[in-house]
PDB file of all heavy atoms in Angstrom:
ATOM      1  N   ILE A   1     -88.839 -95.208-109.127  1.00  0.00           N
ATOM      2  CA  ILE A   1     -87.797 -95.565-110.262  1.00  0.00           C
ATOM      3  C   ILE A   1     -86.368 -95.235-109.721  1.00  0.00           C
ATOM      4  O   ILE A   1     -86.315 -94.429-108.727  1.00  0.00           O
ATOM      5  CB  ILE A   1     -88.035 -94.846-111.530  1.00  0.00           C
ATOM      6  CG1 ILE A   1     -88.056 -93.280-111.335  1.00  0.00           C
ATOM      7  CG2 ILE A   1     -89.374 -95.255-112.220  1.00  0.00           C
ATOM      8  CD1 ILE A   1     -88.133 -92.589-112.691  1.00  0.00           C
ATOM      9  N   ARG A   2     -85.452 -95.769-110.299  1.00  0.00           N
ATOM     10  CA  ARG A   2     -84.053 -95.561-109.890  1.00  0.00           C
ATOM     11  C   ARG A   2     -83.719 -95.901-108.457  1.00  0.00           C
ATOM     12  O   ARG A   2     -82.947 -95.201-107.739  1.00  0.00           O
ATOM     13  CB  ARG A   2     -83.615 -94.145-110.186  1.00  0.00           C
ATOM     14  CG  ARG A   2     -83.973 -93.561-111.424  1.00  0.00           C
ATOM     15  CD  ARG A   2     -83.204 -94.141-112.586  1.00  0.00           C
ATOM     16  NE  ARG A   2     -83.570 -93.355-113.804  1.00  0.00           N
ATOM     17  CZ  ARG A   2     -84.264 -93.908-114.824  1.00  0.00           C
ATOM     18  NH1 ARG A   2     -84.567 -95.163-114.847  1.00  0.00           N
ATOM     19  NH2 ARG A   2     -84.510 -93.260-115.891  1.00  0.00           N
ATOM     20  N   LYS A   3     -84.244 -97.026-107.984  1.00  0.00           N
ATOM     21  CA  LYS A   3     -83.929 -97.536-106.620  1.00  0.00           C
ATOM     22  C   LYS A   3     -82.465 -97.755-106.472  1.00  0.00           C
ATOM     23  O   LYS A   3     -81.734 -98.179-107.434  1.00  0.00           O
ATOM     24  CB  LYS A   3     -84.721 -98.808-106.364  1.00  0.00           C
ATOM     25  CG  LYS A   3     -86.239 -98.683-106.325  1.00  0.00           C
ATOM     26  CD  LYS A   3     -87.016 -99.884-106.104  1.00  0.00           C
ATOM     27  CE  LYS A   3     -88.469 -99.599-106.040  1.00  0.00           C
ATOM     28  NZ  LYS A   3     -89.256-100.777-106.063  1.00  0.00           N
ATOM     29  N   GLY A   4     -81.935 -97.363-105.286  1.00  0.00           N
ATOM     30  CA  GLY A   4     -80.570 -97.504-105.080  1.00  0.00           C
ATOM     31  C   GLY A   4     -79.649 -96.324-105.538  1.00  0.00           C
ATOM     32  O   GLY A   4     -78.458 -96.335-105.455  1.00  0.00           O
ATOM     33  N   ARG A   5     -80.261 -95.307-106.045  1.00  0.00           N
ATOM     34  CA  ARG A   5     -79.540 -94.121-106.518  1.00  0.00           C
ATOM     35  C   ARG A   5     -79.908 -93.006-105.541  1.00  0.00           C
ATOM     36  O   ARG A   5     -80.964 -92.892-105.033  1.00  0.00           O
ATOM     37  CB  ARG A   5     -80.002 -93.806-107.905  1.00  0.00           C
ATOM     38  CG  ARG A   5     -79.849 -94.908-108.892  1.00  0.00           C
ATOM     39  CD  ARG A   5     -78.547 -95.286-109.373  1.00  0.00           C
ATOM     40  NE  ARG A   5     -77.706 -94.272-110.085  1.00  0.00           N
ATOM     41  CZ  ARG A   5     -77.663 -94.098-111.381  1.00  0.00           C
ATOM     42  NH1 ARG A   5     -78.407 -94.872-112.202  1.00  0.00           N
ATOM     43  NH2 ARG A   5     -76.790 -93.115-111.869  1.00  0.00           N
ATOM     44  N   PRO A   6     -78.938 -92.097-105.385  1.00  0.00           N
ATOM     45  CA  PRO A   6     -77.640 -92.073-105.893  1.00  0.00           C
ATOM     46  C   PRO A   6     -76.842 -93.219-105.320  1.00  0.00           C
ATOM     47  O   PRO A   6     -76.892 -93.554-104.064  1.00  0.00           O
ATOM     48  CB  PRO A   6     -77.025 -90.674-105.440  1.00  0.00           C
ATOM     49  CG  PRO A   6     -77.886 -90.214-104.387  1.00  0.00           C
ATOM     50  CD  PRO A   6     -79.164 -90.889-104.356  1.00  0.00           C
ATOM     51  N   SER A   7     -75.994 -93.856-106.173  1.00  0.00           N
ATOM     52  CA  SER A   7     -75.240 -94.946-105.851  1.00  0.00           C
ATOM     53  C   SER A   7     -73.860 -94.486-105.310  1.00  0.00           C
ATOM     54  O   SER A   7     -73.602 -93.265-105.443  1.00  0.00           O
ATOM     55  CB  SER A   7     -74.984 -95.783-107.047  1.00  0.00           C
ATOM     56  OG  SER A   7     -74.299 -95.142-108.070  1.00  0.00           O
ATOM     57  N   ALA A   8     -72.996 -95.412-104.959  1.00  0.00           N
ATOM     58  CA  ALA A   8     -71.672 -95.076-104.506  1.00  0.00           C
ATOM     59  C   ALA A   8     -70.896 -94.409-105.703  1.00  0.00           C
ATOM     60  O   ALA A   8     -70.174 -93.462-105.518  1.00  0.00           O
ATOM     61  CB  ALA A   8     -70.877 -96.295-104.061  1.00  0.00           C
ATOM     62  N   GLY A   9     -71.213 -94.888-106.867  1.00  0.00           N
ATOM     63  CA  GLY A   9     -70.637 -94.269-108.087  1.00  0.00           C
ATOM     64  C   GLY A   9     -71.123 -92.842-108.425  1.00  0.00           C
ATOM     65  O   GLY A   9     -70.386 -91.970-108.818  1.00  0.00           O
ATOM     66  N   ASP A  10     -72.421 -92.587-108.142  1.00  0.00           N
ATOM     67  CA  ASP A  10     -72.875 -91.223-108.181  1.00  0.00           C
ATOM     68  C   ASP A  10     -72.247 -90.252-107.238  1.00  0.00           C
ATOM     69  O   ASP A  10     -71.955 -89.218-107.562  1.00  0.00           O
ATOM     70  CB  ASP A  10     -74.468 -91.198-107.919  1.00  0.00           C
ATOM     71  CG  ASP A  10     -75.199 -91.936-109.057  1.00  0.00           C
ATOM     72  OD1 ASP A  10     -74.829 -91.977-110.221  1.00  0.00           O
ATOM     73  OD2 ASP A  10     -76.174 -92.721-108.617  1.00  0.00           O
ATOM     74  N   LEU A  11     -72.073 -90.790-105.937  1.00  0.00           N
ATOM     75  CA  LEU A  11     -71.520 -89.920-104.991  1.00  0.00           C
ATOM     76  C   LEU A  11     -69.983 -89.687-105.192  1.00  0.00           C
ATOM     77  O   LEU A  11     -69.538 -88.530-105.019  1.00  0.00           O
ATOM     78  CB  LEU A  11     -71.730 -90.590-103.574  1.00  0.00           C
ATOM     79  CG  LEU A  11     -73.090 -90.644-103.155  1.00  0.00           C
ATOM     80  CD1 LEU A  11     -73.214 -91.444-101.783  1.00  0.00           C
ATOM     81  CD2 LEU A  11     -73.844 -89.348-103.008  1.00  0.00           C
ATOM     82  N   GLU A  12     -69.354 -90.732-105.876  1.00  0.00           N
ATOM     83  CA  GLU A  12     -67.941 -90.451-106.278  1.00  0.00           C
ATOM     84  C   GLU A  12     -67.979 -89.417-107.495  1.00  0.00           C
ATOM     85  O   GLU A  12     -66.995 -88.591-107.371  1.00  0.00           O
ATOM     86  CB  GLU A  12     -67.373 -91.851-106.744  1.00  0.00           C
ATOM     87  CG  GLU A  12     -65.960 -91.702-107.275  1.00  0.00           C
ATOM     88  CD  GLU A  12     -64.894 -91.212-106.324  1.00  0.00           C
ATOM     89  OE1 GLU A  12     -65.141 -91.122-105.132  1.00  0.00           O
ATOM     90  OE2 GLU A  12     -63.851 -90.879-106.821  1.00  0.00           O
ATOM     91  N   ALA A  13     -68.876 -89.472-108.342  1.00  0.00           N
ATOM     92  CA  ALA A  13     -68.958 -88.417-109.431  1.00  0.00           C
ATOM     93  C   ALA A  13     -69.099 -87.088-108.811  1.00  0.00           C
ATOM     94  O   ALA A  13     -68.608 -86.135-109.272  1.00  0.00           O
ATOM     95  CB  ALA A  13     -70.078 -88.823-110.407  1.00  0.00           C
ATOM     96  N   ALA A  14     -69.935 -86.937-107.730  1.00  0.00           N
ATOM     97  CA  ALA A  14     -70.180 -85.658-107.109  1.00  0.00           C
ATOM     98  C   ALA A  14     -68.938 -85.157-106.455  1.00  0.00           C
ATOM     99  O   ALA A  14     -68.610 -84.010-106.490  1.00  0.00           O
ATOM    100  CB  ALA A  14     -71.260 -85.788-106.084  1.00  0.00           C
ATOM    101  N   ARG A  15     -68.154 -86.118-105.827  1.00  0.00           N
ATOM    102  CA  ARG A  15     -66.898 -85.734-105.219  1.00  0.00           C
ATOM    103  C   ARG A  15     -65.936 -85.184-106.289  1.00  0.00           C
ATOM    104  O   ARG A  15     -65.228 -84.160-106.195  1.00  0.00           O
ATOM    105  CB  ARG A  15     -66.214 -86.877-104.455  1.00  0.00           C
ATOM    106  CG  ARG A  15     -65.040 -86.553-103.723  1.00  0.00           C
ATOM    107  CD  ARG A  15     -64.311 -87.773-103.257  1.00  0.00           C
ATOM    108  NE  ARG A  15     -63.844 -88.680-104.211  1.00  0.00           N
ATOM    109  CZ  ARG A  15     -62.755 -88.520-104.941  1.00  0.00           C
ATOM    110  NH1 ARG A  15     -62.040 -87.292-104.846  1.00  0.00           N
ATOM    111  NH2 ARG A  15     -62.361 -89.310-105.869  1.00  0.00           N
ATOM    112  N   VAL A  16     -65.798 -85.974-107.409  1.00  0.00           N
ATOM    113  CA  VAL A  16     -64.895 -85.525-108.530  1.00  0.00           C
ATOM    114  C   VAL A  16     -65.371 -84.252-109.044  1.00  0.00           C
ATOM    115  O   VAL A  16     -64.515 -83.326-109.333  1.00  0.00           O
ATOM    116  CB  VAL A  16     -64.844 -86.648-109.553  1.00  0.00           C
ATOM    117  CG1 VAL A  16     -64.081 -86.214-110.761  1.00  0.00           C
ATOM    118  CG2 VAL A  16     -64.162 -87.876-108.985  1.00  0.00           C
ATOM    119  N   PHE A  17     -66.649 -83.971-109.239  1.00  0.00           N
ATOM    120  CA  PHE A  17     -67.121 -82.754-109.752  1.00  0.00           C
ATOM    121  C   PHE A  17     -66.739 -81.633-108.799  1.00  0.00           C
ATOM    122  O   PHE A  17     -66.133 -80.612-109.262  1.00  0.00           O
ATOM    123  CB  PHE A  17     -68.624 -82.727-109.846  1.00  0.00           C
ATOM    124  CG  PHE A  17     -69.329 -81.456-110.066  1.00  0.00           C
ATOM    125  CD1 PHE A  17     -69.403 -81.010-111.473  1.00  0.00           C
ATOM    126  CD2 PHE A  17     -69.777 -80.612-109.122  1.00  0.00           C
ATOM    127  CE1 PHE A  17     -70.012 -79.801-111.635  1.00  0.00           C
ATOM    128  CE2 PHE A  17     -70.350 -79.431-109.302  1.00  0.00           C
ATOM    129  CZ  PHE A  17     -70.488 -79.050-110.576  1.00  0.00           C
ATOM    130  N   ALA A  18     -66.876 -81.783-107.502  1.00  0.00           N
ATOM    131  CA  ALA A  18     -66.505 -80.745-106.551  1.00  0.00           C
ATOM    132  C   ALA A  18     -65.048 -80.515-106.543  1.00  0.00           C
ATOM    133  O   ALA A  18     -64.532 -79.311-106.426  1.00  0.00           O
ATOM    134  CB  ALA A  18     -66.972 -81.139-105.128  1.00  0.00           C
ATOM    135  N   GLU A  19     -64.206 -81.490-106.683  1.00  0.00           N
ATOM    136  CA  GLU A  19     -62.699 -81.337-106.794  1.00  0.00           C
ATOM    137  C   GLU A  19     -62.372 -80.473-107.966  1.00  0.00           C
ATOM    138  O   GLU A  19     -61.558 -79.625-107.931  1.00  0.00           O
ATOM    139  CB  GLU A  19     -62.045 -82.664-106.779  1.00  0.00           C
ATOM    140  CG  GLU A  19     -61.979 -83.289-105.390  1.00  0.00           C
ATOM    141  CD  GLU A  19     -61.290 -84.757-105.470  1.00  0.00           C
ATOM    142  OE1 GLU A  19     -61.063 -85.194-106.589  1.00  0.00           O
ATOM    143  OE2 GLU A  19     -61.111 -85.224-104.411  1.00  0.00           O
ATOM    144  N   GLY A  20     -63.069 -80.781-109.113  1.00  0.00           N
ATOM    145  CA  GLY A  20     -62.771 -79.917-110.299  1.00  0.00           C
ATOM    146  C   GLY A  20     -63.198 -78.594-110.166  1.00  0.00           C
ATOM    147  O   GLY A  20     -62.520 -77.656-110.613  1.00  0.00           O
ATOM    148  N   LEU A  21     -64.238 -78.292-109.506  1.00  0.00           N
ATOM    149  CA  LEU A  21     -64.784 -76.905-109.189  1.00  0.00           C
ATOM    150  C   LEU A  21     -63.745 -76.301-108.311  1.00  0.00           C
ATOM    151  O   LEU A  21     -63.385 -75.156-108.642  1.00  0.00           O
ATOM    152  CB  LEU A  21     -66.131 -76.888-108.466  1.00  0.00           C
ATOM    153  CG  LEU A  21     -67.329 -76.893-109.215  1.00  0.00           C
ATOM    154  CD1 LEU A  21     -68.548 -77.015-108.294  1.00  0.00           C
ATOM    155  CD2 LEU A  21     -67.462 -75.650-110.070  1.00  0.00           C
ATOM    156  N   ARG A  22     -63.268 -76.848-107.329  1.00  0.00           N
ATOM    157  CA  ARG A  22     -62.313 -76.280-106.369  1.00  0.00           C
ATOM    158  C   ARG A  22     -61.030 -75.911-107.231  1.00  0.00           C
ATOM    159  O   ARG A  22     -60.488 -74.907-106.974  1.00  0.00           O
ATOM    160  CB  ARG A  22     -61.977 -77.274-105.374  1.00  0.00           C
ATOM    161  CG  ARG A  22     -61.090 -76.661-104.217  1.00  0.00           C
ATOM    162  CD  ARG A  22     -60.802 -77.600-103.089  1.00  0.00           C
ATOM    163  NE  ARG A  22     -60.055 -78.746-103.673  1.00  0.00           N
ATOM    164  CZ  ARG A  22     -59.897 -79.946-103.016  1.00  0.00           C
ATOM    165  NH1 ARG A  22     -60.448 -80.080-101.762  1.00  0.00           N
ATOM    166  NH2 ARG A  22     -59.289 -80.853-103.575  1.00  0.00           N
ATOM    167  N   ALA A  23     -60.546 -76.768-108.080  1.00  0.00           N
ATOM    168  CA  ALA A  23     -59.481 -76.431-108.899  1.00  0.00           C
ATOM    169  C   ALA A  23     -59.629 -75.385-109.910  1.00  0.00           C
ATOM    170  O   ALA A  23     -58.734 -74.483-109.984  1.00  0.00           O
ATOM    171  CB  ALA A  23     -58.943 -77.740-109.631  1.00  0.00           C
ATOM    172  N   ARG A  24     -60.781 -75.350-110.508  1.00  0.00           N
ATOM    173  CA  ARG A  24     -61.097 -74.259-111.483  1.00  0.00           C
ATOM    174  C   ARG A  24     -61.262 -72.910-110.781  1.00  0.00           C
ATOM    175  O   ARG A  24     -60.866 -71.910-111.288  1.00  0.00           O
ATOM    176  CB  ARG A  24     -62.277 -74.587-112.349  1.00  0.00           C
ATOM    177  CG  ARG A  24     -61.938 -75.548-113.414  1.00  0.00           C
ATOM    178  CD  ARG A  24     -63.076 -75.799-114.294  1.00  0.00           C
ATOM    179  NE  ARG A  24     -64.120 -76.097-113.335  1.00  0.00           N
ATOM    180  CZ  ARG A  24     -65.169 -76.905-113.552  1.00  0.00           C
ATOM    181  NH1 ARG A  24     -65.346 -77.503-114.615  1.00  0.00           N
ATOM    182  NH2 ARG A  24     -66.126 -77.145-112.651  1.00  0.00           N
ATOM    183  N   VAL A  25     -62.129 -72.979-109.783  1.00  0.00           N
ATOM    184  CA  VAL A  25     -62.566 -71.617-109.119  1.00  0.00           C
ATOM    185  C   VAL A  25     -61.489 -71.208-108.151  1.00  0.00           C
ATOM    186  O   VAL A  25     -61.392 -69.967-107.888  1.00  0.00           O
ATOM    187  CB  VAL A  25     -63.960 -71.820-108.500  1.00  0.00           C
ATOM    188  CG1 VAL A  25     -64.315 -70.588-107.780  1.00  0.00           C
ATOM    189  CG2 VAL A  25     -64.997 -72.146-109.626  1.00  0.00           C
ATOM    190  N   GLY A  26     -60.730 -72.091-107.696  1.00  0.00           N
ATOM    191  CA  GLY A  26     -59.614 -71.771-106.787  1.00  0.00           C
ATOM    192  C   GLY A  26     -60.012 -71.323-105.378  1.00  0.00           C
ATOM    193  O   GLY A  26     -59.517 -70.283-104.941  1.00  0.00           O
ATOM    194  N   THR A  27     -61.007 -72.103-104.838  1.00  0.00           N
ATOM    195  CA  THR A  27     -61.619 -71.699-103.602  1.00  0.00           C
ATOM    196  C   THR A  27     -61.830 -72.988-102.771  1.00  0.00           C
ATOM    197  O   THR A  27     -62.006 -74.018-103.252  1.00  0.00           O
ATOM    198  CB  THR A  27     -62.795 -70.844-103.651  1.00  0.00           C
ATOM    199  OG1 THR A  27     -63.136 -70.407-102.366  1.00  0.00           O
ATOM    200  CG2 THR A  27     -63.895 -71.560-104.354  1.00  0.00           C
ATOM    201  N   GLU A  28     -62.034 -72.812-101.458  1.00  0.00           N
ATOM    202  CA  GLU A  28     -62.397 -73.903-100.598  1.00  0.00           C
ATOM    203  C   GLU A  28     -63.652 -73.564 -99.879  1.00  0.00           C
ATOM    204  O   GLU A  28     -63.863 -74.117 -98.828  1.00  0.00           O
ATOM    205  CB  GLU A  28     -61.287 -74.260 -99.692  1.00  0.00           C
ATOM    206  CG  GLU A  28     -60.183 -74.892-100.505  1.00  0.00           C
ATOM    207  CD  GLU A  28     -59.084 -75.583 -99.502  1.00  0.00           C
ATOM    208  OE1 GLU A  28     -59.162 -75.380 -98.271  1.00  0.00           O
ATOM    209  OE2 GLU A  28     -58.112 -76.160-100.059  1.00  0.00           O
ATOM    210  N   SER A  29     -64.399 -72.579-100.168  1.00  0.00           N
ATOM    211  CA  SER A  29     -65.516 -72.197 -99.424  1.00  0.00           C
ATOM    212  C   SER A  29     -66.673 -71.593-100.309  1.00  0.00           C
ATOM    213  O   SER A  29     -66.332 -71.098-101.426  1.00  0.00           O
ATOM    214  CB  SER A  29     -65.339 -71.235 -98.258  1.00  0.00           C
ATOM    215  OG  SER A  29     -64.701 -70.088 -98.706  1.00  0.00           O
TER     216      SER A  29
END
């Protein structure tokens, strides 16, 4: 089930999530 996932949109959501974490937590590692 869910063939083709994670999709480009899912990976973009992961990138946005990580950017938000970086901004909130204030770290890069």
